[in-house]
Amino acid sequence: MTTKRKSIQTITDPLLEPYFITKDEYSFAVKQNVKSDAGHFRSKKGTPKTYEKSLFYYPHFEQAIQKIAKLKVENGNYNNLEKYIEDYELISNQIKIYTDELRSTI
């Protein structure tokens, strides 16, 4: 007998952009909206198309949030390690403070 799959929840927020998280009964997926160029195989007749690209899967929400913080920092260029660590901690703390505030209101 097969079981019906439960619905997928999508978690989006400007703080997470360009990434977002989806949650199903098994894991949290870190995803990104990607806009294809006109020559991409997903585009129709030379028109760009936006699609979801799954990047990583985690069993816990906190792991997905930490990965997004890391990805956001990795998109920049850094001349020294100190600035990289400072930016990572800043982004990570912003996300953590925001999610902690949301949990405290529930």
PDB file of N, CA and C in Angstrom:
ATOM      1  N   MET A   1       0.837  -1.176   0.000  1.00  0.00           N
ATOM      2  CA  MET A   1       0.000   0.000   0.000  1.00  0.00           C
ATOM      3  C   MET A   1       0.886   1.245   0.000  1.00  0.00           C
ATOM      4  N   THR A   2       0.562   2.193  -0.796  1.00  0.00           N
ATOM      5  CA  THR A   2       1.324   3.440  -0.838  1.00  0.00           C
ATOM      6  C   THR A   2       0.659   4.481   0.054  1.00  0.00           C
ATOM      7  N   THR A   3       1.494   5.360   0.586  1.00  0.00           N
ATOM      8  CA  THR A   3       0.964   6.436   1.410  1.00  0.00           C
ATOM      9  C   THR A   3       1.048   7.734   0.635  1.00  0.00           C
ATOM     10  N   LYS A   4       0.082   8.581   0.881  1.00  0.00           N
ATOM     11  CA  LYS A   4       0.059   9.874   0.204  1.00  0.00           C
ATOM     12  C   LYS A   4       1.097  10.786   0.846  1.00  0.00           C
ATOM     13  N   ARG A   5       1.854  11.452   0.021  1.00  0.00           N
ATOM     14  CA  ARG A   5       2.889  12.364   0.494  1.00  0.00           C
ATOM     15  C   ARG A   5       2.260  13.614   1.098  1.00  0.00           C
ATOM     16  N   LYS A   6       2.802  14.040   2.213  1.00  0.00           N
ATOM     17  CA  LYS A   6       2.308  15.251   2.861  1.00  0.00           C
ATOM     18  C   LYS A   6       2.749  16.473   2.068  1.00  0.00           C
ATOM     19  N   SER A   7       2.136  17.587   2.348  1.00  0.00           N
ATOM     20  CA  SER A   7       2.442  18.800   1.611  1.00  0.00           C
ATOM     21  C   SER A   7       3.825  19.348   1.960  1.00  0.00           C
ATOM     22  N   ILE A   8       4.330  20.160   1.086  1.00  0.00           N
ATOM     23  CA  ILE A   8       5.630  20.793   1.275  1.00  0.00           C
ATOM     24  C   ILE A   8       5.395  22.241   1.680  1.00  0.00           C
ATOM     25  N   GLN A   9       6.085  22.669   2.727  1.00  0.00           N
ATOM     26  CA  GLN A   9       6.014  24.058   3.169  1.00  0.00           C
ATOM     27  C   GLN A   9       7.195  24.816   2.585  1.00  0.00           C
ATOM     28  N   THR A  10       6.958  26.054   2.204  1.00  0.00           N
ATOM     29  CA  THR A  10       8.019  26.905   1.679  1.00  0.00           C
ATOM     30  C   THR A  10       8.259  28.050   2.654  1.00  0.00           C
ATOM     31  N   ILE A  11       9.523  28.267   2.986  1.00  0.00           N
ATOM     32  CA  ILE A  11       9.917  29.321   3.922  1.00  0.00           C
ATOM     33  C   ILE A  11      10.743  30.333   3.141  1.00  0.00           C
ATOM     34  N   THR A  12      10.181  31.523   2.946  1.00  0.00           N
ATOM     35  CA  THR A  12      10.885  32.584   2.234  1.00  0.00           C
ATOM     36  C   THR A  12      10.950  33.815   3.124  1.00  0.00           C
ATOM     37  N   ASP A  13      11.973  34.603   2.921  1.00  0.00           N
ATOM     38  CA  ASP A  13      12.134  35.842   3.668  1.00  0.00           C
ATOM     39  C   ASP A  13      13.180  36.678   2.953  1.00  0.00           C
ATOM     40  N   PRO A  14      13.035  37.999   2.928  1.00  0.00           N
ATOM     41  CA  PRO A  14      14.050  38.844   2.286  1.00  0.00           C
ATOM     42  C   PRO A  14      15.445  38.643   2.882  1.00  0.00           C
ATOM     43  N   LEU A  15      15.523  38.273   4.154  1.00  0.00           N
ATOM     44  CA  LEU A  15      16.806  38.035   4.804  1.00  0.00           C
ATOM     45  C   LEU A  15      17.533  36.826   4.215  1.00  0.00           C
ATOM     46  N   LEU A  16      16.782  35.881   3.659  1.00  0.00           N
ATOM     47  CA  LEU A  16      17.371  34.666   3.087  1.00  0.00           C
ATOM     48  C   LEU A  16      17.704  34.795   1.601  1.00  0.00           C
ATOM     49  N   GLU A  17      17.131  35.778   0.932  1.00  0.00           N
ATOM     50  CA  GLU A  17      17.287  35.891  -0.524  1.00  0.00           C
ATOM     51  C   GLU A  17      18.741  35.931  -0.948  1.00  0.00           C
ATOM     52  N   PRO A  18      19.083  35.291  -2.030  1.00  0.00           N
ATOM     53  CA  PRO A  18      18.276  34.690  -3.082  1.00  0.00           C
ATOM     54  C   PRO A  18      17.877  33.236  -2.803  1.00  0.00           C
ATOM     55  N   TYR A  19      18.058  32.778  -1.589  1.00  0.00           N
ATOM     56  CA  TYR A  19      17.755  31.400  -1.227  1.00  0.00           C
ATOM     57  C   TYR A  19      16.433  31.320  -0.483  1.00  0.00           C
ATOM     58  N   PHE A  20      15.910  30.108  -0.368  1.00  0.00           N
ATOM     59  CA  PHE A  20      14.733  29.850   0.438  1.00  0.00           C
ATOM     60  C   PHE A  20      14.772  28.393   0.881  1.00  0.00           C
ATOM     61  N   ILE A  21      13.875  28.028   1.776  1.00  0.00           N
ATOM     62  CA  ILE A  21      13.876  26.679   2.353  1.00  0.00           C
ATOM     63  C   ILE A  21      12.514  26.047   2.109  1.00  0.00           C
ATOM     64  N   THR A  22      12.521  24.766   1.750  1.00  0.00           N
ATOM     65  CA  THR A  22      11.281  24.004   1.714  1.00  0.00           C
ATOM     66  C   THR A  22      11.392  22.890   2.745  1.00  0.00           C
ATOM     67  N   LYS A  23      10.245  22.531   3.315  1.00  0.00           N
ATOM     68  CA  LYS A  23      10.212  21.512   4.361  1.00  0.00           C
ATOM     69  C   LYS A  23       9.159  20.476   3.993  1.00  0.00           C
ATOM     70  N   ASP A  24       9.562  19.219   4.055  1.00  0.00           N
ATOM     71  CA  ASP A  24       8.591  18.140   3.930  1.00  0.00           C
ATOM     72  C   ASP A  24       8.703  17.269   5.176  1.00  0.00           C
ATOM     73  N   GLU A  25       8.085  16.106   5.188  1.00  0.00           N
ATOM     74  CA  GLU A  25       8.108  15.285   6.396  1.00  0.00           C
ATOM     75  C   GLU A  25       9.479  14.664   6.684  1.00  0.00           C
ATOM     76  N   TYR A  26      10.423  14.767   5.753  1.00  0.00           N
ATOM     77  CA  TYR A  26      11.728  14.134   5.925  1.00  0.00           C
ATOM     78  C   TYR A  26      12.884  15.098   6.133  1.00  0.00           C
ATOM     79  N   SER A  27      12.836  16.266   5.498  1.00  0.00           N
ATOM     80  CA  SER A  27      14.011  17.134   5.552  1.00  0.00           C
ATOM     81  C   SER A  27      13.673  18.583   5.221  1.00  0.00           C
ATOM     82  N   PHE A  28      14.693  19.426   5.390  1.00  0.00           N
ATOM     83  CA  PHE A  28      14.653  20.824   4.996  1.00  0.00           C
ATOM     84  C   PHE A  28      15.573  20.960   3.788  1.00  0.00           C
ATOM     85  N   ALA A  29      15.073  21.529   2.707  1.00  0.00           N
ATOM     86  CA  ALA A  29      15.872  21.701   1.495  1.00  0.00           C
ATOM     87  C   ALA A  29      16.200  23.173   1.295  1.00  0.00           C
ATOM     88  N   VAL A  30      17.472  23.454   1.054  1.00  0.00           N
ATOM     89  CA  VAL A  30      17.900  24.799   0.699  1.00  0.00           C
ATOM     90  C   VAL A  30      17.807  24.887  -0.820  1.00  0.00           C
ATOM     91  N   LYS A  31      17.050  25.880  -1.291  1.00  0.00           N
ATOM     92  CA  LYS A  31      16.836  26.030  -2.724  1.00  0.00           C
ATOM     93  C   LYS A  31      17.111  27.457  -3.156  1.00  0.00           C
ATOM     94  N   GLN A  32      17.213  27.623  -4.464  1.00  0.00           N
ATOM     95  CA  GLN A  32      17.468  28.937  -5.043  1.00  0.00           C
ATOM     96  C   GLN A  32      16.621  29.071  -6.304  1.00  0.00           C
ATOM     97  N   ASN A  33      16.020  30.245  -6.494  1.00  0.00           N
ATOM     98  CA  ASN A  33      15.338  30.521  -7.753  1.00  0.00           C
ATOM     99  C   ASN A  33      16.385  30.938  -8.764  1.00  0.00           C
ATOM    100  N   VAL A  34      16.385  30.274  -9.896  1.00  0.00           N
ATOM    101  CA  VAL A  34      17.371  30.525 -10.938  1.00  0.00           C
ATOM    102  C   VAL A  34      16.638  30.958 -12.196  1.00  0.00           C
ATOM    103  N   LYS A  35      17.126  32.020 -12.812  1.00  0.00           N
ATOM    104  CA  LYS A  35      16.549  32.476 -14.080  1.00  0.00           C
ATOM    105  C   LYS A  35      17.469  32.019 -15.195  1.00  0.00           C
ATOM    106  N   SER A  36      16.949  31.188 -16.080  1.00  0.00           N
ATOM    107  CA  SER A  36      17.759  30.677 -17.176  1.00  0.00           C
ATOM    108  C   SER A  36      17.959  31.769 -18.222  1.00  0.00           C
ATOM    109  N   ASP A  37      19.034  31.648 -18.972  1.00  0.00           N
ATOM    110  CA  ASP A  37      19.226  32.595 -20.070  1.00  0.00           C
ATOM    111  C   ASP A  37      18.415  32.109 -21.272  1.00  0.00           C
ATOM    112  N   ALA A  38      18.330  32.923 -22.280  1.00  0.00           N
ATOM    113  CA  ALA A  38      17.488  32.612 -23.432  1.00  0.00           C
ATOM    114  C   ALA A  38      17.921  31.336 -24.156  1.00  0.00           C
ATOM    115  N   GLY A  39      19.184  30.953 -24.067  1.00  0.00           N
ATOM    116  CA  GLY A  39      19.670  29.769 -24.763  1.00  0.00           C
ATOM    117  C   GLY A  39      19.607  28.500 -23.936  1.00  0.00           C
ATOM    118  N   HIS A  40      19.128  28.575 -22.714  1.00  0.00           N
ATOM    119  CA  HIS A  40      19.067  27.427 -21.820  1.00  0.00           C
ATOM    120  C   HIS A  40      17.991  26.447 -22.279  1.00  0.00           C
ATOM    121  N   PHE A  41      18.211  25.155 -22.042  1.00  0.00           N
ATOM    122  CA  PHE A  41      17.275  24.147 -22.510  1.00  0.00           C
ATOM    123  C   PHE A  41      15.897  24.261 -21.853  1.00  0.00           C
ATOM    124  N   ARG A  42      15.811  24.906 -20.681  1.00  0.00           N
ATOM    125  CA  ARG A  42      14.519  25.071 -20.007  1.00  0.00           C
ATOM    126  C   ARG A  42      13.720  26.254 -20.563  1.00  0.00           C
ATOM    127  N   SER A  43      14.361  27.106 -21.338  1.00  0.00           N
ATOM    128  CA  SER A  43      13.640  28.270 -21.868  1.00  0.00           C
ATOM    129  C   SER A  43      12.804  27.862 -23.082  1.00  0.00           C
ATOM    130  N   LYS A  44      11.711  28.573 -23.271  1.00  0.00           N
ATOM    131  CA  LYS A  44      10.825  28.291 -24.396  1.00  0.00           C
ATOM    132  C   LYS A  44      10.969  29.380 -25.445  1.00  0.00           C
ATOM    133  N   LYS A  45      11.363  28.984 -26.617  1.00  0.00           N
ATOM    134  CA  LYS A  45      11.481  29.892 -27.756  1.00  0.00           C
ATOM    135  C   LYS A  45      12.300  31.136 -27.431  1.00  0.00           C
ATOM    136  N   GLY A  46      13.424  30.944 -26.751  1.00  0.00           N
ATOM    137  CA  GLY A  46      14.317  32.050 -26.456  1.00  0.00           C
ATOM    138  C   GLY A  46      13.882  32.942 -25.313  1.00  0.00           C
ATOM    139  N   THR A  47      12.836  32.548 -24.584  1.00  0.00           N
ATOM    140  CA  THR A  47      12.366  33.330 -23.449  1.00  0.00           C
ATOM    141  C   THR A  47      12.919  32.723 -22.164  1.00  0.00           C
ATOM    142  N   PRO A  48      13.583  33.511 -21.334  1.00  0.00           N
ATOM    143  CA  PRO A  48      14.121  32.975 -20.083  1.00  0.00           C
ATOM    144  C   PRO A  48      13.018  32.435 -19.174  1.00  0.00           C
ATOM    145  N   LYS A  49      13.347  31.413 -18.413  1.00  0.00           N
ATOM    146  CA  LYS A  49      12.385  30.809 -17.496  1.00  0.00           C
ATOM    147  C   LYS A  49      13.000  30.760 -16.101  1.00  0.00           C
ATOM    148  N   THR A  50      12.190  30.992 -15.074  1.00  0.00           N
ATOM    149  CA  THR A  50      12.651  30.896 -13.698  1.00  0.00           C
ATOM    150  C   THR A  50      12.247  29.531 -13.154  1.00  0.00           C
ATOM    151  N   TYR A  51      13.196  28.865 -12.510  1.00  0.00           N
ATOM    152  CA  TYR A  51      12.915  27.556 -11.924  1.00  0.00           C
ATOM    153  C   TYR A  51      13.626  27.421 -10.587  1.00  0.00           C
ATOM    154  N   GLU A  52      13.188  26.465  -9.774  1.00  0.00           N
ATOM    155  CA  GLU A  52      13.794  26.198  -8.478  1.00  0.00           C
ATOM    156  C   GLU A  52      14.938  25.218  -8.636  1.00  0.00           C
ATOM    157  N   LYS A  53      16.049  25.534  -8.009  1.00  0.00           N
ATOM    158  CA  LYS A  53      17.201  24.647  -8.030  1.00  0.00           C
ATOM    159  C   LYS A  53      17.460  24.181  -6.594  1.00  0.00           C
ATOM    160  N   SER A  54      17.349  22.881  -6.360  1.00  0.00           N
ATOM    161  CA  SER A  54      17.638  22.325  -5.042  1.00  0.00           C
ATOM    162  C   SER A  54      19.145  22.263  -4.854  1.00  0.00           C
ATOM    163  N   LEU A  55      19.619  22.775  -3.722  1.00  0.00           N
ATOM    164  CA  LEU A  55      21.058  22.827  -3.470  1.00  0.00           C
ATOM    165  C   LEU A  55      21.508  21.824  -2.404  1.00  0.00           C
ATOM    166  N   PHE A  56      20.818  21.808  -1.251  1.00  0.00           N
ATOM    167  CA  PHE A  56      21.227  20.968  -0.130  1.00  0.00           C
ATOM    168  C   PHE A  56      20.009  20.491   0.650  1.00  0.00           C
ATOM    169  N   TYR A  57      20.161  19.337   1.319  1.00  0.00           N
ATOM    170  CA  TYR A  57      19.110  18.781   2.168  1.00  0.00           C
ATOM    171  C   TYR A  57      19.665  18.552   3.571  1.00  0.00           C
ATOM    172  N   TYR A  58      18.869  18.922   4.574  1.00  0.00           N
ATOM    173  CA  TYR A  58      19.296  18.780   5.968  1.00  0.00           C
ATOM    174  C   TYR A  58      18.142  18.240   6.819  1.00  0.00           C
ATOM    175  N   PRO A  59      18.470  17.482   7.863  1.00  0.00           N
ATOM    176  CA  PRO A  59      17.414  16.979   8.750  1.00  0.00           C
ATOM    177  C   PRO A  59      16.891  18.031   9.735  1.00  0.00           C
ATOM    178  N   HIS A  60      17.666  19.107   9.959  1.00  0.00           N
ATOM    179  CA  HIS A  60      17.286  20.118  10.944  1.00  0.00           C
ATOM    180  C   HIS A  60      17.268  21.512  10.324  1.00  0.00           C
ATOM    181  N   PHE A  61      16.309  22.322  10.769  1.00  0.00           N
ATOM    182  CA  PHE A  61      16.140  23.685  10.279  1.00  0.00           C
ATOM    183  C   PHE A  61      17.393  24.525  10.492  1.00  0.00           C
ATOM    184  N   GLU A  62      18.006  24.411  11.670  1.00  0.00           N
ATOM    185  CA  GLU A  62      19.195  25.213  11.998  1.00  0.00           C
ATOM    186  C   GLU A  62      20.331  24.951  11.008  1.00  0.00           C
ATOM    187  N   GLN A  63      20.467  23.715  10.559  1.00  0.00           N
ATOM    188  CA  GLN A  63      21.518  23.391   9.584  1.00  0.00           C
ATOM    189  C   GLN A  63      21.256  24.089   8.246  1.00  0.00           C
ATOM    190  N   ALA A  64      20.003  24.150   7.847  1.00  0.00           N
ATOM    191  CA  ALA A  64      19.652  24.821   6.592  1.00  0.00           C
ATOM    192  C   ALA A  64      19.938  26.320   6.683  1.00  0.00           C
ATOM    193  N   ILE A  65      19.603  26.907   7.824  1.00  0.00           N
ATOM    194  CA  ILE A  65      19.861  28.339   8.034  1.00  0.00           C
ATOM    195  C   ILE A  65      21.368  28.618   8.012  1.00  0.00           C
ATOM    196  N   GLN A  66      22.142  27.776   8.664  1.00  0.00           N
ATOM    197  CA  GLN A  66      23.599  27.966   8.688  1.00  0.00           C
ATOM    198  C   GLN A  66      24.184  27.860   7.285  1.00  0.00           C
ATOM    199  N   LYS A  67      23.664  26.948   6.483  1.00  0.00           N
ATOM    200  CA  LYS A  67      24.165  26.797   5.114  1.00  0.00           C
ATOM    201  C   LYS A  67      23.856  28.040   4.284  1.00  0.00           C
ATOM    202  N   ILE A  68      22.677  28.617   4.461  1.00  0.00           N
ATOM    203  CA  ILE A  68      22.333  29.831   3.722  1.00  0.00           C
ATOM    204  C   ILE A  68      23.266  30.969   4.116  1.00  0.00           C
ATOM    205  N   ALA A  69      23.550  31.097   5.410  1.00  0.00           N
ATOM    206  CA  ALA A  69      24.495  32.137   5.858  1.00  0.00           C
ATOM    207  C   ALA A  69      25.851  31.941   5.191  1.00  0.00           C
ATOM    208  N   LYS A  70      26.292  30.705   5.131  1.00  0.00           N
ATOM    209  CA  LYS A  70      27.589  30.402   4.508  1.00  0.00           C
ATOM    210  C   LYS A  70      27.561  30.715   3.009  1.00  0.00           C
ATOM    211  N   LEU A  71      26.485  30.344   2.335  1.00  0.00           N
ATOM    212  CA  LEU A  71      26.360  30.626   0.903  1.00  0.00           C
ATOM    213  C   LEU A  71      26.349  32.118   0.611  1.00  0.00           C
ATOM    214  N   LYS A  72      25.666  32.890   1.445  1.00  0.00           N
ATOM    215  CA  LYS A  72      25.607  34.336   1.240  1.00  0.00           C
ATOM    216  C   LYS A  72      26.988  34.970   1.374  1.00  0.00           C
ATOM    217  N   VAL A  73      27.793  34.486   2.296  1.00  0.00           N
ATOM    218  CA  VAL A  73      29.145  35.014   2.470  1.00  0.00           C
ATOM    219  C   VAL A  73      30.036  34.581   1.309  1.00  0.00           C
ATOM    220  N   GLU A  74      29.860  33.357   0.837  1.00  0.00           N
ATOM    221  CA  GLU A  74      30.706  32.840  -0.236  1.00  0.00           C
ATOM    222  C   GLU A  74      30.493  33.552  -1.564  1.00  0.00           C
ATOM    223  N   ASN A  75      29.393  34.287  -1.705  1.00  0.00           N
ATOM    224  CA  ASN A  75      29.144  35.018  -2.947  1.00  0.00           C
ATOM    225  C   ASN A  75      30.016  36.261  -3.080  1.00  0.00           C
ATOM    226  N   GLY A  76      30.643  36.703  -1.989  1.00  0.00           N
ATOM    227  CA  GLY A  76      31.488  37.892  -2.024  1.00  0.00           C
ATOM    228  C   GLY A  76      32.953  37.549  -2.230  1.00  0.00           C
ATOM    229  N   ASN A  77      33.747  38.566  -2.490  1.00  0.00           N
ATOM    230  CA  ASN A  77      35.196  38.414  -2.599  1.00  0.00           C
ATOM    231  C   ASN A  77      35.836  39.062  -1.383  1.00  0.00           C
ATOM    232  N   TYR A  78      36.812  38.398  -0.815  1.00  0.00           N
ATOM    233  CA  TYR A  78      37.439  38.880   0.416  1.00  0.00           C
ATOM    234  C   TYR A  78      38.947  38.923   0.260  1.00  0.00           C
ATOM    235  N   ASN A  79      39.538  39.987   0.803  1.00  0.00           N
ATOM    236  CA  ASN A  79      40.990  40.130   0.773  1.00  0.00           C
ATOM    237  C   ASN A  79      41.658  39.540   2.003  1.00  0.00           C
ATOM    238  N   ASN A  80      40.851  39.290   3.052  1.00  0.00           N
ATOM    239  CA  ASN A  80      41.444  38.683   4.239  1.00  0.00           C
ATOM    240  C   ASN A  80      40.425  37.826   4.974  1.00  0.00           C
ATOM    241  N   LEU A  81      40.934  36.920   5.758  1.00  0.00           N
ATOM    242  CA  LEU A  81      40.120  35.964   6.489  1.00  0.00           C
ATOM    243  C   LEU A  81      39.266  36.647   7.553  1.00  0.00           C
ATOM    244  N   GLU A  82      39.797  37.666   8.187  1.00  0.00           N
ATOM    245  CA  GLU A  82      39.081  38.365   9.254  1.00  0.00           C
ATOM    246  C   GLU A  82      37.754  38.940   8.740  1.00  0.00           C
ATOM    247  N   LYS A  83      37.756  39.564   7.566  1.00  0.00           N
ATOM    248  CA  LYS A  83      36.549  40.146   6.990  1.00  0.00           C
ATOM    249  C   LYS A  83      35.537  39.053   6.625  1.00  0.00           C
ATOM    250  N   TYR A  84      36.031  37.933   6.106  1.00  0.00           N
ATOM    251  CA  TYR A  84      35.162  36.811   5.753  1.00  0.00           C
ATOM    252  C   TYR A  84      34.446  36.285   6.998  1.00  0.00           C
ATOM    253  N   ILE A  85      35.190  36.059   8.065  1.00  0.00           N
ATOM    254  CA  ILE A  85      34.617  35.548   9.313  1.00  0.00           C
ATOM    255  C   ILE A  85      33.652  36.566   9.910  1.00  0.00           C
ATOM    256  N   GLU A  86      34.005  37.832   9.852  1.00  0.00           N
ATOM    257  CA  GLU A  86      33.140  38.902  10.371  1.00  0.00           C
ATOM    258  C   GLU A  86      31.804  38.928   9.627  1.00  0.00           C
ATOM    259  N   ASP A  87      31.844  38.845   8.299  1.00  0.00           N
ATOM    260  CA  ASP A  87      30.617  38.852   7.506  1.00  0.00           C
ATOM    261  C   ASP A  87      29.782  37.599   7.749  1.00  0.00           C
ATOM    262  N   TYR A  88      30.444  36.456   7.855  1.00  0.00           N
ATOM    263  CA  TYR A  88      29.725  35.205   8.119  1.00  0.00           C
ATOM    264  C   TYR A  88      28.996  35.281   9.456  1.00  0.00           C
ATOM    265  N   GLU A  89      29.691  35.749  10.478  1.00  0.00           N
ATOM    266  CA  GLU A  89      29.077  35.860  11.803  1.00  0.00           C
ATOM    267  C   GLU A  89      27.937  36.875  11.803  1.00  0.00           C
ATOM    268  N   LEU A  90      28.100  37.971  11.079  1.00  0.00           N
ATOM    269  CA  LEU A  90      27.056  38.985  10.995  1.00  0.00           C
ATOM    270  C   LEU A  90      25.791  38.412  10.358  1.00  0.00           C
ATOM    271  N   ILE A  91      25.924  37.778   9.215  1.00  0.00           N
ATOM    272  CA  ILE A  91      24.774  37.199   8.517  1.00  0.00           C
ATOM    273  C   ILE A  91      24.150  36.087   9.350  1.00  0.00           C
ATOM    274  N   SER A  92      24.974  35.229   9.900  1.00  0.00           N
ATOM    275  CA  SER A  92      24.488  34.130  10.726  1.00  0.00           C
ATOM    276  C   SER A  92      23.724  34.642  11.936  1.00  0.00           C
ATOM    277  N   ASN A  93      24.247  35.655  12.605  1.00  0.00           N
ATOM    278  CA  ASN A  93      23.582  36.227  13.780  1.00  0.00           C
ATOM    279  C   ASN A  93      22.278  36.925  13.411  1.00  0.00           C
ATOM    280  N   GLN A  94      22.245  37.629  12.272  1.00  0.00           N
ATOM    281  CA  GLN A  94      21.010  38.282  11.833  1.00  0.00           C
ATOM    282  C   GLN A  94      19.901  37.253  11.634  1.00  0.00           C
ATOM    283  N   ILE A  95      20.239  36.156  10.983  1.00  0.00           N
ATOM    284  CA  ILE A  95      19.252  35.104  10.740  1.00  0.00           C
ATOM    285  C   ILE A  95      18.831  34.455  12.058  1.00  0.00           C
ATOM    286  N   LYS A  96      19.794  34.177  12.934  1.00  0.00           N
ATOM    287  CA  LYS A  96      19.487  33.538  14.216  1.00  0.00           C
ATOM    288  C   LYS A  96      18.598  34.434  15.077  1.00  0.00           C
ATOM    289  N   ILE A  97      18.919  35.709  15.178  1.00  0.00           N
ATOM    290  CA  ILE A  97      18.110  36.648  15.976  1.00  0.00           C
ATOM    291  C   ILE A  97      16.693  36.699  15.422  1.00  0.00           C
ATOM    292  N   TYR A  98      16.575  36.777  14.117  1.00  0.00           N
ATOM    293  CA  TYR A  98      15.261  36.848  13.483  1.00  0.00           C
ATOM    294  C   TYR A  98      14.444  35.590  13.767  1.00  0.00           C
ATOM    295  N   THR A  99      15.048  34.418  13.589  1.00  0.00           N
ATOM    296  CA  THR A  99      14.310  33.171  13.821  1.00  0.00           C
ATOM    297  C   THR A  99      14.013  32.972  15.296  1.00  0.00           C
ATOM    298  N   ASP A 100      14.906  33.379  16.193  1.00  0.00           N
ATOM    299  CA  ASP A 100      14.639  33.279  17.631  1.00  0.00           C
ATOM    300  C   ASP A 100      13.468  34.169  18.027  1.00  0.00           C
ATOM    301  N   GLU A 101      13.381  35.356  17.450  1.00  0.00           N
ATOM    302  CA  GLU A 101      12.269  36.264  17.726  1.00  0.00           C
ATOM    303  C   GLU A 101      10.950  35.667  17.257  1.00  0.00           C
ATOM    304  N   LEU A 102      10.970  35.023  16.084  1.00  0.00           N
ATOM    305  CA  LEU A 102       9.761  34.402  15.578  1.00  0.00           C
ATOM    306  C   LEU A 102       9.317  33.266  16.496  1.00  0.00           C
ATOM    307  N   ARG A 103      10.250  32.456  16.959  1.00  0.00           N
ATOM    308  CA  ARG A 103       9.910  31.335  17.837  1.00  0.00           C
ATOM    309  C   ARG A 103       9.346  31.815  19.156  1.00  0.00           C
ATOM    310  N   SER A 104       9.828  32.928  19.669  1.00  0.00           N
ATOM    311  CA  SER A 104       9.359  33.415  20.957  1.00  0.00           C
ATOM    312  C   SER A 104       7.933  33.955  20.880  1.00  0.00           C
ATOM    313  N   THR A 105       7.462  34.298  19.676  1.00  0.00           N
ATOM    314  CA  THR A 105       6.095  34.793  19.536  1.00  0.00           C
ATOM    315  C   THR A 105       5.093  33.676  19.312  1.00  0.00           C
ATOM    316  N   ILE A 106       5.579  32.487  19.092  1.00  0.00           N
ATOM    317  CA  ILE A 106       4.674  31.353  18.829  1.00  0.00           C
ATOM    318  C   ILE A 106       4.207  30.742  20.122  1.00  0.00           C
TER     319      ILE A 106
END
